[in-house]
Amino acid sequence: MGNFKFKTQAFTLVEIMVVIGIIALLAGMVFPYYVKPRATAQANACINNLVKIEDAASQFALEHGQKTGDPINYPGDLTPYLKLNNTGQIPACPTQGTYSVGYVGSRIEAVCSLGSTVTPAHIVP
């Protein structure tokens, strides 16, 4: 029958590398816009937890007649005053920080172990 010639077309290695380079460049430009909102959301969740812990500590101190300088046993004293997560625990810092509450003072302070060592800071404004 007839002599058919099939013309094969393919991308060259250089063309493929250029496309991969462009995709990597675009991904490198977009990636920071996804990381920063996540860190901000985690910091906001941590700060929200700190505010709730401070409120619980204030309520505990008021109900138990605590004075300035009296210690607070965290989390034992505050567990009844906090909304627990679905595993029955006090919500933890989303970035694996730990919370602590020391003493009753003029302003009871709950502290995240990460504090200002991360950006954005995990401190109550």
PDB file of N, CA and C in Angstrom:
ATOM      1  N   MET A   1       0.827  -1.161   0.000  1.00  0.00           N
ATOM      2  CA  MET A   1       0.000   0.000   0.000  1.00  0.00           C
ATOM      3  C   MET A   1       0.879   1.233   0.000  1.00  0.00           C
ATOM      4  N   GLY A   2       0.574   2.182   0.739  1.00  0.00           N
ATOM      5  CA  GLY A   2       1.318   3.421   0.657  1.00  0.00           C
ATOM      6  C   GLY A   2       2.449   3.500   1.665  1.00  0.00           C
ATOM      7  N   ASN A   3       3.348   4.328   1.381  1.00  0.00           N
ATOM      8  CA  ASN A   3       4.444   4.611   2.294  1.00  0.00           C
ATOM      9  C   ASN A   3       4.059   5.818   3.155  1.00  0.00           C
ATOM     10  N   PHE A   4       3.777   5.550   4.391  1.00  0.00           N
ATOM     11  CA  PHE A   4       3.402   6.657   5.276  1.00  0.00           C
ATOM     12  C   PHE A   4       4.583   6.981   6.173  1.00  0.00           C
ATOM     13  N   LYS A   5       4.848   8.257   6.286  1.00  0.00           N
ATOM     14  CA  LYS A   5       5.876   8.714   7.231  1.00  0.00           C
ATOM     15  C   LYS A   5       5.176   9.397   8.398  1.00  0.00           C
ATOM     16  N   PHE A   6       5.461   8.921   9.566  1.00  0.00           N
ATOM     17  CA  PHE A   6       4.904   9.555  10.760  1.00  0.00           C
ATOM     18  C   PHE A   6       5.933  10.529  11.299  1.00  0.00           C
ATOM     19  N   LYS A   7       5.491  11.747  11.476  1.00  0.00           N
ATOM     20  CA  LYS A   7       6.382  12.772  12.015  1.00  0.00           C
ATOM     21  C   LYS A   7       6.185  12.791  13.529  1.00  0.00           C
ATOM     22  N   THR A   8       7.201  12.489  14.280  1.00  0.00           N
ATOM     23  CA  THR A   8       7.104  12.506  15.737  1.00  0.00           C
ATOM     24  C   THR A   8       7.522  13.868  16.256  1.00  0.00           C
ATOM     25  N   GLN A   9       6.717  14.369  17.166  1.00  0.00           N
ATOM     26  CA  GLN A   9       7.028  15.647  17.792  1.00  0.00           C
ATOM     27  C   GLN A   9       7.209  15.404  19.285  1.00  0.00           C
ATOM     28  N   ALA A  10       8.197  16.038  19.830  1.00  0.00           N
ATOM     29  CA  ALA A  10       8.463  15.894  21.259  1.00  0.00           C
ATOM     30  C   ALA A  10       9.097  17.171  21.766  1.00  0.00           C
ATOM     31  N   PHE A  11       9.016  17.343  23.077  1.00  0.00           N
ATOM     32  CA  PHE A  11       9.678  18.487  23.703  1.00  0.00           C
ATOM     33  C   PHE A  11      11.145  18.144  23.903  1.00  0.00           C
ATOM     34  N   THR A  12      11.969  19.146  23.759  1.00  0.00           N
ATOM     35  CA  THR A  12      13.390  18.925  24.028  1.00  0.00           C
ATOM     36  C   THR A  12      13.634  19.054  25.519  1.00  0.00           C
ATOM     37  N   LEU A  13      14.743  18.561  25.948  1.00  0.00           N
ATOM     38  CA  LEU A  13      15.105  18.636  27.357  1.00  0.00           C
ATOM     39  C   LEU A  13      15.197  20.082  27.816  1.00  0.00           C
ATOM     40  N   VAL A  14      15.703  20.954  26.991  1.00  0.00           N
ATOM     41  CA  VAL A  14      15.833  22.370  27.352  1.00  0.00           C
ATOM     42  C   VAL A  14      14.457  22.991  27.571  1.00  0.00           C
ATOM     43  N   GLU A  15      13.511  22.684  26.719  1.00  0.00           N
ATOM     44  CA  GLU A  15      12.163  23.225  26.877  1.00  0.00           C
ATOM     45  C   GLU A  15      11.516  22.746  28.173  1.00  0.00           C
ATOM     46  N   ILE A  16      11.688  21.494  28.476  1.00  0.00           N
ATOM     47  CA  ILE A  16      11.129  20.954  29.718  1.00  0.00           C
ATOM     48  C   ILE A  16      11.777  21.615  30.931  1.00  0.00           C
ATOM     49  N   MET A  17      13.081  21.810  30.890  1.00  0.00           N
ATOM     50  CA  MET A  17      13.780  22.451  32.013  1.00  0.00           C
ATOM     51  C   MET A  17      13.331  23.898  32.183  1.00  0.00           C
ATOM     52  N   VAL A  18      13.087  24.606  31.103  1.00  0.00           N
ATOM     53  CA  VAL A  18      12.609  25.991  31.186  1.00  0.00           C
ATOM     54  C   VAL A  18      11.235  26.023  31.847  1.00  0.00           C
ATOM     55  N   VAL A  19      10.342  25.130  31.460  1.00  0.00           N
ATOM     56  CA  VAL A  19       9.009  25.082  32.063  1.00  0.00           C
ATOM     57  C   VAL A  19       9.104  24.758  33.551  1.00  0.00           C
ATOM     58  N   ILE A  20       9.931  23.801  33.924  1.00  0.00           N
ATOM     59  CA  ILE A  20      10.117  23.452  35.340  1.00  0.00           C
ATOM     60  C   ILE A  20      10.689  24.647  36.099  1.00  0.00           C
ATOM     61  N   GLY A  21      11.621  25.356  35.509  1.00  0.00           N
ATOM     62  CA  GLY A  21      12.196  26.542  36.147  1.00  0.00           C
ATOM     63  C   GLY A  21      11.161  27.627  36.376  1.00  0.00           C
ATOM     64  N   ILE A  22      10.301  27.855  35.404  1.00  0.00           N
ATOM     65  CA  ILE A  22       9.252  28.867  35.553  1.00  0.00           C
ATOM     66  C   ILE A  22       8.271  28.471  36.648  1.00  0.00           C
ATOM     67  N   ILE A  23       7.882  27.208  36.695  1.00  0.00           N
ATOM     68  CA  ILE A  23       6.972  26.734  37.743  1.00  0.00           C
ATOM     69  C   ILE A  23       7.621  26.881  39.119  1.00  0.00           C
ATOM     70  N   ALA A  24       8.895  26.549  39.228  1.00  0.00           N
ATOM     71  CA  ALA A  24       9.598  26.686  40.512  1.00  0.00           C
ATOM     72  C   ALA A  24       9.685  28.147  40.929  1.00  0.00           C
ATOM     73  N   LEU A  25       9.929  29.033  40.002  1.00  0.00           N
ATOM     74  CA  LEU A  25       9.996  30.459  40.300  1.00  0.00           C
ATOM     75  C   LEU A  25       8.651  30.977  40.790  1.00  0.00           C
ATOM     76  N   LEU A  26       7.588  30.601  40.120  1.00  0.00           N
ATOM     77  CA  LEU A  26       6.252  31.017  40.557  1.00  0.00           C
ATOM     78  C   LEU A  26       5.899  30.442  41.921  1.00  0.00           C
ATOM     79  N   ALA A  27       6.232  29.189  42.157  1.00  0.00           N
ATOM     80  CA  ALA A  27       5.970  28.573  43.459  1.00  0.00           C
ATOM     81  C   ALA A  27       6.773  29.271  44.553  1.00  0.00           C
ATOM     82  N   GLY A  28       8.003  29.645  44.253  1.00  0.00           N
ATOM     83  CA  GLY A  28       8.832  30.348  45.230  1.00  0.00           C
ATOM     84  C   GLY A  28       8.284  31.720  45.575  1.00  0.00           C
ATOM     85  N   MET A  29       7.617  32.355  44.624  1.00  0.00           N
ATOM     86  CA  MET A  29       7.033  33.669  44.888  1.00  0.00           C
ATOM     87  C   MET A  29       5.737  33.553  45.678  1.00  0.00           C
ATOM     88  N   VAL A  30       4.980  32.483  45.476  1.00  0.00           N
ATOM     89  CA  VAL A  30       3.685  32.331  46.119  1.00  0.00           C
ATOM     90  C   VAL A  30       3.800  31.692  47.506  1.00  0.00           C
ATOM     91  N   PHE A  31       4.772  30.851  47.718  1.00  0.00           N
ATOM     92  CA  PHE A  31       4.904  30.088  48.967  1.00  0.00           C
ATOM     93  C   PHE A  31       4.875  30.955  50.228  1.00  0.00           C
ATOM     94  N   PRO A  32       5.600  32.082  50.316  1.00  0.00           N
ATOM     95  CA  PRO A  32       5.547  32.884  51.546  1.00  0.00           C
ATOM     96  C   PRO A  32       4.154  33.412  51.883  1.00  0.00           C
ATOM     97  N   TYR A  33       3.312  33.588  50.879  1.00  0.00           N
ATOM     98  CA  TYR A  33       1.965  34.084  51.144  1.00  0.00           C
ATOM     99  C   TYR A  33       1.085  33.036  51.806  1.00  0.00           C
ATOM    100  N   TYR A  34       1.479  31.778  51.735  1.00  0.00           N
ATOM    101  CA  TYR A  34       0.738  30.725  52.421  1.00  0.00           C
ATOM    102  C   TYR A  34       1.312  30.444  53.808  1.00  0.00           C
ATOM    103  N   VAL A  35       2.592  30.698  54.013  1.00  0.00           N
ATOM    104  CA  VAL A  35       3.236  30.421  55.293  1.00  0.00           C
ATOM    105  C   VAL A  35       2.871  31.477  56.334  1.00  0.00           C
ATOM    106  N   LYS A  36       2.920  32.742  55.957  1.00  0.00           N
ATOM    107  CA  LYS A  36       2.667  33.820  56.912  1.00  0.00           C
ATOM    108  C   LYS A  36       1.258  33.779  57.495  1.00  0.00           C
ATOM    109  N   PRO A  37       0.214  33.616  56.684  1.00  0.00           N
ATOM    110  CA  PRO A  37      -1.126  33.534  57.286  1.00  0.00           C
ATOM    111  C   PRO A  37      -1.272  32.359  58.245  1.00  0.00           C
ATOM    112  N   ARG A  38      -0.599  31.257  57.960  1.00  0.00           N
ATOM    113  CA  ARG A  38      -0.680  30.107  58.851  1.00  0.00           C
ATOM    114  C   ARG A  38      -0.044  30.431  60.198  1.00  0.00           C
ATOM    115  N   ALA A  39       1.132  31.056  60.180  1.00  0.00           N
ATOM    116  CA  ALA A  39       1.803  31.428  61.425  1.00  0.00           C
ATOM    117  C   ALA A  39       0.970  32.439  62.204  1.00  0.00           C
ATOM    118  N   THR A  40       0.357  33.374  61.496  1.00  0.00           N
ATOM    119  CA  THR A  40      -0.487  34.371  62.157  1.00  0.00           C
ATOM    120  C   THR A  40      -1.707  33.711  62.784  1.00  0.00           C
ATOM    121  N   ALA A  41      -2.317  32.782  62.081  1.00  0.00           N
ATOM    122  CA  ALA A  41      -3.485  32.072  62.612  1.00  0.00           C
ATOM    123  C   ALA A  41      -3.111  31.263  63.851  1.00  0.00           C
ATOM    124  N   GLN A  42      -1.935  30.617  63.821  1.00  0.00           N
ATOM    125  CA  GLN A  42      -1.491  29.850  64.989  1.00  0.00           C
ATOM    126  C   GLN A  42      -1.224  30.771  66.178  1.00  0.00           C
ATOM    127  N   ALA A  43      -0.604  31.934  65.920  1.00  0.00           N
ATOM    128  CA  ALA A  43      -0.349  32.885  67.005  1.00  0.00           C
ATOM    129  C   ALA A  43      -1.661  33.401  67.578  1.00  0.00           C
ATOM    130  N   ASN A  44      -2.627  33.690  66.723  1.00  0.00           N
ATOM    131  CA  ASN A  44      -3.926  34.169  67.205  1.00  0.00           C
ATOM    132  C   ASN A  44      -4.635  33.108  68.035  1.00  0.00           C
ATOM    133  N   ALA A  45      -4.539  31.845  67.634  1.00  0.00           N
ATOM    134  CA  ALA A  45      -5.140  30.763  68.413  1.00  0.00           C
ATOM    135  C   ALA A  45      -4.462  30.646  69.772  1.00  0.00           C
ATOM    136  N   CYS A  46      -3.137  30.778  69.796  1.00  0.00           N
ATOM    137  CA  CYS A  46      -2.396  30.714  71.059  1.00  0.00           C
ATOM    138  C   CYS A  46      -2.791  31.876  71.971  1.00  0.00           C
ATOM    139  N   ILE A  47      -2.847  33.080  71.415  1.00  0.00           N
ATOM    140  CA  ILE A  47      -3.218  34.255  72.207  1.00  0.00           C
ATOM    141  C   ILE A  47      -4.643  34.104  72.742  1.00  0.00           C
ATOM    142  N   ASN A  48      -5.541  33.571  71.925  1.00  0.00           N
ATOM    143  CA  ASN A  48      -6.907  33.330  72.371  1.00  0.00           C
ATOM    144  C   ASN A  48      -6.919  32.353  73.548  1.00  0.00           C
ATOM    145  N   ASN A  49      -6.111  31.295  73.470  1.00  0.00           N
ATOM    146  CA  ASN A  49      -6.006  30.347  74.589  1.00  0.00           C
ATOM    147  C   ASN A  49      -5.465  31.035  75.836  1.00  0.00           C
ATOM    148  N   LEU A  50      -4.451  31.900  75.667  1.00  0.00           N
ATOM    149  CA  LEU A  50      -3.868  32.602  76.813  1.00  0.00           C
ATOM    150  C   LEU A  50      -4.904  33.489  77.497  1.00  0.00           C
ATOM    151  N   VAL A  51      -5.720  34.179  76.707  1.00  0.00           N
ATOM    152  CA  VAL A  51      -6.758  35.046  77.276  1.00  0.00           C
ATOM    153  C   VAL A  51      -7.762  34.211  78.057  1.00  0.00           C
ATOM    154  N   LYS A  52      -8.149  33.058  77.513  1.00  0.00           N
ATOM    155  CA  LYS A  52      -9.085  32.183  78.218  1.00  0.00           C
ATOM    156  C   LYS A  52      -8.479  31.654  79.515  1.00  0.00           C
ATOM    157  N   ILE A  53      -7.190  31.330  79.496  1.00  0.00           N
ATOM    158  CA  ILE A  53      -6.519  30.839  80.705  1.00  0.00           C
ATOM    159  C   ILE A  53      -6.456  31.953  81.744  1.00  0.00           C
ATOM    160  N   GLU A  54      -6.150  33.176  81.320  1.00  0.00           N
ATOM    161  CA  GLU A  54      -6.133  34.306  82.261  1.00  0.00           C
ATOM    162  C   GLU A  54      -7.501  34.531  82.879  1.00  0.00           C
ATOM    163  N   ASP A  55      -8.550  34.452  82.055  1.00  0.00           N
ATOM    164  CA  ASP A  55      -9.906  34.613  82.578  1.00  0.00           C
ATOM    165  C   ASP A  55     -10.236  33.523  83.593  1.00  0.00           C
ATOM    166  N   ALA A  56      -9.850  32.298  83.282  1.00  0.00           N
ATOM    167  CA  ALA A  56     -10.099  31.182  84.194  1.00  0.00           C
ATOM    168  C   ALA A  56      -9.319  31.375  85.498  1.00  0.00           C
ATOM    169  N   ALA A  57      -8.083  31.857  85.398  1.00  0.00           N
ATOM    170  CA  ALA A  57      -7.277  32.087  86.605  1.00  0.00           C
ATOM    171  C   ALA A  57      -7.888  33.192  87.456  1.00  0.00           C
ATOM    172  N   SER A  58      -8.378  34.228  86.823  1.00  0.00           N
ATOM    173  CA  SER A  58      -9.028  35.313  87.577  1.00  0.00           C
ATOM    174  C   SER A  58     -10.279  34.807  88.273  1.00  0.00           C
ATOM    175  N   GLN A  59     -11.069  34.022  87.575  1.00  0.00           N
ATOM    176  CA  GLN A  59     -12.289  33.478  88.164  1.00  0.00           C
ATOM    177  C   GLN A  59     -11.955  32.540  89.320  1.00  0.00           C
ATOM    178  N   PHE A  60     -10.935  31.698  89.135  1.00  0.00           N
ATOM    179  CA  PHE A  60     -10.509  30.795  90.207  1.00  0.00           C
ATOM    180  C   PHE A  60     -10.067  31.592  91.434  1.00  0.00           C
ATOM    181  N   ALA A  61      -9.234  32.615  91.204  1.00  0.00           N
ATOM    182  CA  ALA A  61      -8.732  33.426  92.326  1.00  0.00           C
ATOM    183  C   ALA A  61      -9.869  34.114  93.058  1.00  0.00           C
ATOM    184  N   LEU A  62     -10.841  34.619  92.329  1.00  0.00           N
ATOM    185  CA  LEU A  62     -11.976  35.307  92.944  1.00  0.00           C
ATOM    186  C   LEU A  62     -12.823  34.336  93.758  1.00  0.00           C
ATOM    187  N   GLU A  63     -13.122  33.171  93.197  1.00  0.00           N
ATOM    188  CA  GLU A  63     -13.987  32.206  93.878  1.00  0.00           C
ATOM    189  C   GLU A  63     -13.324  31.551  95.085  1.00  0.00           C
ATOM    190  N   HIS A  64     -11.990  31.466  95.081  1.00  0.00           N
ATOM    191  CA  HIS A  64     -11.293  30.796  96.174  1.00  0.00           C
ATOM    192  C   HIS A  64     -10.607  31.765  97.129  1.00  0.00           C
ATOM    193  N   GLY A  65     -10.904  33.040  97.031  1.00  0.00           N
ATOM    194  CA  GLY A  65     -10.364  34.031  97.964  1.00  0.00           C
ATOM    195  C   GLY A  65      -8.846  34.142  97.904  1.00  0.00           C
ATOM    196  N   GLN A  66      -8.265  33.955  96.750  1.00  0.00           N
ATOM    197  CA  GLN A  66      -6.810  34.049  96.597  1.00  0.00           C
ATOM    198  C   GLN A  66      -6.363  35.505  96.722  1.00  0.00           C
ATOM    199  N   LYS A  67      -5.161  35.681  97.267  1.00  0.00           N
ATOM    200  CA  LYS A  67      -4.580  37.015  97.409  1.00  0.00           C
ATOM    201  C   LYS A  67      -3.399  37.138  96.460  1.00  0.00           C
ATOM    202  N   THR A  68      -2.943  38.347  96.276  1.00  0.00           N
ATOM    203  CA  THR A  68      -1.774  38.582  95.442  1.00  0.00           C
ATOM    204  C   THR A  68      -0.601  37.774  95.979  1.00  0.00           C
ATOM    205  N   GLY A  69       0.049  37.051  95.111  1.00  0.00           N
ATOM    206  CA  GLY A  69       1.194  36.239  95.490  1.00  0.00           C
ATOM    207  C   GLY A  69       0.863  34.787  95.761  1.00  0.00           C
ATOM    208  N   ASP A  70      -0.432  34.447  95.875  1.00  0.00           N
ATOM    209  CA  ASP A  70      -0.810  33.053  96.084  1.00  0.00           C
ATOM    210  C   ASP A  70      -0.559  32.268  94.792  1.00  0.00           C
ATOM    211  N   PRO A  71      -0.019  31.059  94.909  1.00  0.00           N
ATOM    212  CA  PRO A  71       0.265  30.277  93.697  1.00  0.00           C
ATOM    213  C   PRO A  71      -1.008  29.687  93.094  1.00  0.00           C
ATOM    214  N   ILE A  72      -0.945  29.489  91.795  1.00  0.00           N
ATOM    215  CA  ILE A  72      -2.028  28.806  91.080  1.00  0.00           C
ATOM    216  C   ILE A  72      -1.431  27.527  90.510  1.00  0.00           C
ATOM    217  N   ASN A  73      -2.096  26.419  90.774  1.00  0.00           N
ATOM    218  CA  ASN A  73      -1.645  25.123  90.260  1.00  0.00           C
ATOM    219  C   ASN A  73      -2.241  24.940  88.865  1.00  0.00           C
ATOM    220  N   TYR A  74      -1.403  25.144  87.857  1.00  0.00           N
ATOM    221  CA  TYR A  74      -1.883  24.990  86.487  1.00  0.00           C
ATOM    222  C   TYR A  74      -1.487  23.618  85.972  1.00  0.00           C
ATOM    223  N   PRO A  75      -2.324  22.858  85.382  1.00  0.00           N
ATOM    224  CA  PRO A  75      -3.686  23.134  84.968  1.00  0.00           C
ATOM    225  C   PRO A  75      -4.743  22.663  85.956  1.00  0.00           C
ATOM    226  N   GLY A  76      -4.341  22.001  87.030  1.00  0.00           N
ATOM    227  CA  GLY A  76      -5.297  21.406  87.959  1.00  0.00           C
ATOM    228  C   GLY A  76      -6.354  22.351  88.480  1.00  0.00           C
ATOM    229  N   ASP A  77      -5.948  23.533  88.953  1.00  0.00           N
ATOM    230  CA  ASP A  77      -6.909  24.476  89.510  1.00  0.00           C
ATOM    231  C   ASP A  77      -7.834  25.069  88.451  1.00  0.00           C
ATOM    232  N   LEU A  78      -7.356  25.163  87.229  1.00  0.00           N
ATOM    233  CA  LEU A  78      -8.112  25.891  86.208  1.00  0.00           C
ATOM    234  C   LEU A  78      -8.953  25.004  85.296  1.00  0.00           C
ATOM    235  N   THR A  79      -8.751  23.704  85.343  1.00  0.00           N
ATOM    236  CA  THR A  79      -9.464  22.801  84.442  1.00  0.00           C
ATOM    237  C   THR A  79     -10.985  22.972  84.510  1.00  0.00           C
ATOM    238  N   PRO A  80     -11.577  23.128  85.706  1.00  0.00           N
ATOM    239  CA  PRO A  80     -13.038  23.298  85.734  1.00  0.00           C
ATOM    240  C   PRO A  80     -13.517  24.611  85.102  1.00  0.00           C
ATOM    241  N   TYR A  81     -12.634  25.561  84.920  1.00  0.00           N
ATOM    242  CA  TYR A  81     -13.024  26.871  84.410  1.00  0.00           C
ATOM    243  C   TYR A  81     -12.765  27.041  82.911  1.00  0.00           C
ATOM    244  N   LEU A  82     -12.187  26.031  82.291  1.00  0.00           N
ATOM    245  CA  LEU A  82     -11.838  26.123  80.874  1.00  0.00           C
ATOM    246  C   LEU A  82     -12.640  25.126  80.056  1.00  0.00           C
ATOM    247  N   LYS A  83     -12.961  25.524  78.832  1.00  0.00           N
ATOM    248  CA  LYS A  83     -13.613  24.600  77.910  1.00  0.00           C
ATOM    249  C   LYS A  83     -12.546  23.658  77.378  1.00  0.00           C
ATOM    250  N   LEU A  84     -12.739  22.376  77.592  1.00  0.00           N
ATOM    251  CA  LEU A  84     -11.763  21.371  77.182  1.00  0.00           C
ATOM    252  C   LEU A  84     -12.003  20.965  75.732  1.00  0.00           C
ATOM    253  N   ASN A  85     -10.955  20.472  75.088  1.00  0.00           N
ATOM    254  CA  ASN A  85     -11.117  20.003  73.708  1.00  0.00           C
ATOM    255  C   ASN A  85     -11.775  18.629  73.713  1.00  0.00           C
ATOM    256  N   ASN A  86     -11.945  18.031  72.549  1.00  0.00           N
ATOM    257  CA  ASN A  86     -12.658  16.757  72.476  1.00  0.00           C
ATOM    258  C   ASN A  86     -11.895  15.578  73.059  1.00  0.00           C
ATOM    259  N   THR A  87     -10.637  15.766  73.442  1.00  0.00           N
ATOM    260  CA  THR A  87      -9.903  14.698  74.134  1.00  0.00           C
ATOM    261  C   THR A  87      -9.895  14.918  75.651  1.00  0.00           C
ATOM    262  N   GLY A  88     -10.632  15.941  76.123  1.00  0.00           N
ATOM    263  CA  GLY A  88     -10.718  16.210  77.557  1.00  0.00           C
ATOM    264  C   GLY A  88      -9.518  16.962  78.109  1.00  0.00           C
ATOM    265  N   GLN A  89      -8.738  17.587  77.240  1.00  0.00           N
ATOM    266  CA  GLN A  89      -7.549  18.332  77.664  1.00  0.00           C
ATOM    267  C   GLN A  89      -7.763  19.826  77.440  1.00  0.00           C
ATOM    268  N   ILE A  90      -6.988  20.622  78.172  1.00  0.00           N
ATOM    269  CA  ILE A  90      -6.978  22.062  77.914  1.00  0.00           C
ATOM    270  C   ILE A  90      -6.329  22.259  76.554  1.00  0.00           C
ATOM    271  N   PRO A  91      -6.923  23.097  75.681  1.00  0.00           N
ATOM    272  CA  PRO A  91      -6.334  23.295  74.356  1.00  0.00           C
ATOM    273  C   PRO A  91      -4.878  23.736  74.458  1.00  0.00           C
ATOM    274  N   ALA A  92      -4.040  23.127  73.643  1.00  0.00           N
ATOM    275  CA  ALA A  92      -2.608  23.423  73.662  1.00  0.00           C
ATOM    276  C   ALA A  92      -2.272  24.479  72.635  1.00  0.00           C
ATOM    277  N   CYS A  93      -1.079  25.028  72.754  1.00  0.00           N
ATOM    278  CA  CYS A  93      -0.575  25.973  71.765  1.00  0.00           C
ATOM    279  C   CYS A  93      -0.449  25.233  70.432  1.00  0.00           C
ATOM    280  N   PRO A  94      -0.940  25.815  69.332  1.00  0.00           N
ATOM    281  CA  PRO A  94      -0.904  25.122  68.047  1.00  0.00           C
ATOM    282  C   PRO A  94       0.505  24.845  67.525  1.00  0.00           C
ATOM    283  N   THR A  95       1.501  25.538  68.050  1.00  0.00           N
ATOM    284  CA  THR A  95       2.875  25.321  67.580  1.00  0.00           C
ATOM    285  C   THR A  95       3.730  24.637  68.639  1.00  0.00           C
ATOM    286  N   GLN A  96       3.094  23.846  69.470  1.00  0.00           N
ATOM    287  CA  GLN A  96       3.764  23.010  70.471  1.00  0.00           C
ATOM    288  C   GLN A  96       4.404  23.790  71.620  1.00  0.00           C
ATOM    289  N   GLY A  97       3.989  25.015  71.833  1.00  0.00           N
ATOM    290  CA  GLY A  97       4.434  25.740  73.028  1.00  0.00           C
ATOM    291  C   GLY A  97       3.688  25.199  74.234  1.00  0.00           C
ATOM    292  N   THR A  98       4.159  25.546  75.430  1.00  0.00           N
ATOM    293  CA  THR A  98       3.477  25.120  76.652  1.00  0.00           C
ATOM    294  C   THR A  98       3.032  26.347  77.426  1.00  0.00           C
ATOM    295  N   TYR A  99       1.927  26.208  78.124  1.00  0.00           N
ATOM    296  CA  TYR A  99       1.372  27.312  78.897  1.00  0.00           C
ATOM    297  C   TYR A  99       1.746  27.151  80.363  1.00  0.00           C
ATOM    298  N   SER A 100       1.857  28.280  81.040  1.00  0.00           N
ATOM    299  CA  SER A 100       2.069  28.245  82.484  1.00  0.00           C
ATOM    300  C   SER A 100       1.408  29.462  83.109  1.00  0.00           C
ATOM    301  N   VAL A 101       0.973  29.272  84.330  1.00  0.00           N
ATOM    302  CA  VAL A 101       0.398  30.354  85.120  1.00  0.00           C
ATOM    303  C   VAL A 101       1.084  30.278  86.467  1.00  0.00           C
ATOM    304  N   GLY A 102       1.610  31.395  86.933  1.00  0.00           N
ATOM    305  CA  GLY A 102       2.360  31.380  88.174  1.00  0.00           C
ATOM    306  C   GLY A 102       1.552  31.740  89.391  1.00  0.00           C
ATOM    307  N   TYR A 103       1.495  33.007  89.676  1.00  0.00           N
ATOM    308  CA  TYR A 103       0.894  33.499  90.905  1.00  0.00           C
ATOM    309  C   TYR A 103      -0.220  34.481  90.610  1.00  0.00           C
ATOM    310  N   VAL A 104      -1.086  34.646  91.603  1.00  0.00           N
ATOM    311  CA  VAL A 104      -2.116  35.674  91.520  1.00  0.00           C
ATOM    312  C   VAL A 104      -1.417  37.010  91.703  1.00  0.00           C
ATOM    313  N   GLY A 105      -1.714  37.931  90.836  1.00  0.00           N
ATOM    314  CA  GLY A 105      -1.098  39.255  90.919  1.00  0.00           C
ATOM    315  C   GLY A 105      -2.093  40.322  90.550  1.00  0.00           C
ATOM    316  N   SER A 106      -1.600  41.536  90.374  1.00  0.00           N
ATOM    317  CA  SER A 106      -2.500  42.601  89.978  1.00  0.00           C
ATOM    318  C   SER A 106      -3.084  42.281  88.606  1.00  0.00           C
ATOM    319  N   ARG A 107      -2.308  41.642  87.787  1.00  0.00           N
ATOM    320  CA  ARG A 107      -2.783  41.123  86.506  1.00  0.00           C
ATOM    321  C   ARG A 107      -2.228  39.711  86.379  1.00  0.00           C
ATOM    322  N   ILE A 108      -3.113  38.732  86.431  1.00  0.00           N
ATOM    323  CA  ILE A 108      -2.679  37.344  86.307  1.00  0.00           C
ATOM    324  C   ILE A 108      -2.207  37.147  84.879  1.00  0.00           C
ATOM    325  N   GLU A 109      -1.031  36.569  84.727  1.00  0.00           N
ATOM    326  CA  GLU A 109      -0.495  36.389  83.395  1.00  0.00           C
ATOM    327  C   GLU A 109      -0.330  34.912  83.067  1.00  0.00           C
ATOM    328  N   ALA A 110      -0.945  34.526  81.979  1.00  0.00           N
ATOM    329  CA  ALA A 110      -0.701  33.212  81.404  1.00  0.00           C
ATOM    330  C   ALA A 110       0.397  33.417  80.373  1.00  0.00           C
ATOM    331  N   VAL A 111       1.338  32.504  80.326  1.00  0.00           N
ATOM    332  CA  VAL A 111       2.504  32.670  79.465  1.00  0.00           C
ATOM    333  C   VAL A 111       2.657  31.442  78.571  1.00  0.00           C
ATOM    334  N   CYS A 112       2.932  31.683  77.281  1.00  0.00           N
ATOM    335  CA  CYS A 112       3.276  30.610  76.366  1.00  0.00           C
ATOM    336  C   CYS A 112       4.799  30.518  76.338  1.00  0.00           C
ATOM    337  N   SER A 113       5.333  29.306  76.334  1.00  0.00           N
ATOM    338  CA  SER A 113       6.789  29.139  76.354  1.00  0.00           C
ATOM    339  C   SER A 113       7.459  29.725  75.113  1.00  0.00           C
ATOM    340  N   LEU A 114       6.716  29.877  74.021  1.00  0.00           N
ATOM    341  CA  LEU A 114       7.304  30.451  72.810  1.00  0.00           C
ATOM    342  C   LEU A 114       7.442  31.964  72.926  1.00  0.00           C
ATOM    343  N   GLY A 115       6.500  32.605  73.626  1.00  0.00           N
ATOM    344  CA  GLY A 115       6.564  34.043  73.874  1.00  0.00           C
ATOM    345  C   GLY A 115       6.899  34.849  72.640  1.00  0.00           C
ATOM    346  N   SER A 116       7.941  35.662  72.741  1.00  0.00           N
ATOM    347  CA  SER A 116       8.338  36.513  71.610  1.00  0.00           C
ATOM    348  C   SER A 116       9.491  35.903  70.826  1.00  0.00           C
ATOM    349  N   THR A 117       9.750  34.603  71.008  1.00  0.00           N
ATOM    350  CA  THR A 117      10.825  33.947  70.257  1.00  0.00           C
ATOM    351  C   THR A 117      10.390  33.580  68.847  1.00  0.00           C
ATOM    352  N   VAL A 118       9.096  33.701  68.557  1.00  0.00           N
ATOM    353  CA  VAL A 118       8.578  33.390  67.226  1.00  0.00           C
ATOM    354  C   VAL A 118       7.907  34.629  66.650  1.00  0.00           C
ATOM    355  N   THR A 119       7.707  34.612  65.336  1.00  0.00           N
ATOM    356  CA  THR A 119       7.014  35.721  64.683  1.00  0.00           C
ATOM    357  C   THR A 119       5.787  35.169  64.015  1.00  0.00           C
ATOM    358  N   PRO A 120       4.618  35.709  64.306  1.00  0.00           N
ATOM    359  CA  PRO A 120       4.306  36.713  65.310  1.00  0.00           C
ATOM    360  C   PRO A 120       4.391  36.141  66.714  1.00  0.00           C
ATOM    361  N   ALA A 121       4.583  37.023  67.684  1.00  0.00           N
ATOM    362  CA  ALA A 121       4.790  36.618  69.068  1.00  0.00           C
ATOM    363  C   ALA A 121       3.533  35.988  69.666  1.00  0.00           C
ATOM    364  N   HIS A 122       3.748  35.060  70.595  1.00  0.00           N
ATOM    365  CA  HIS A 122       2.652  34.403  71.302  1.00  0.00           C
ATOM    366  C   HIS A 122       2.525  35.052  72.686  1.00  0.00           C
ATOM    367  N   ILE A 123       2.159  36.313  72.698  1.00  0.00           N
ATOM    368  CA  ILE A 123       1.983  37.041  73.953  1.00  0.00           C
ATOM    369  C   ILE A 123       0.668  37.816  73.892  1.00  0.00           C
ATOM    370  N   VAL A 124       0.036  37.981  75.035  1.00  0.00           N
ATOM    371  CA  VAL A 124      -1.205  38.740  75.098  1.00  0.00           C
ATOM    372  C   VAL A 124      -0.853  40.229  74.967  1.00  0.00           C
ATOM    373  N   PRO A 125      -1.495  40.910  74.041  1.00  0.00           N
ATOM    374  CA  PRO A 125      -1.170  42.345  73.860  1.00  0.00           C
ATOM    375  C   PRO A 125      -1.585  43.186  75.037  1.00  0.00           C
TER     376      PRO A 125
END
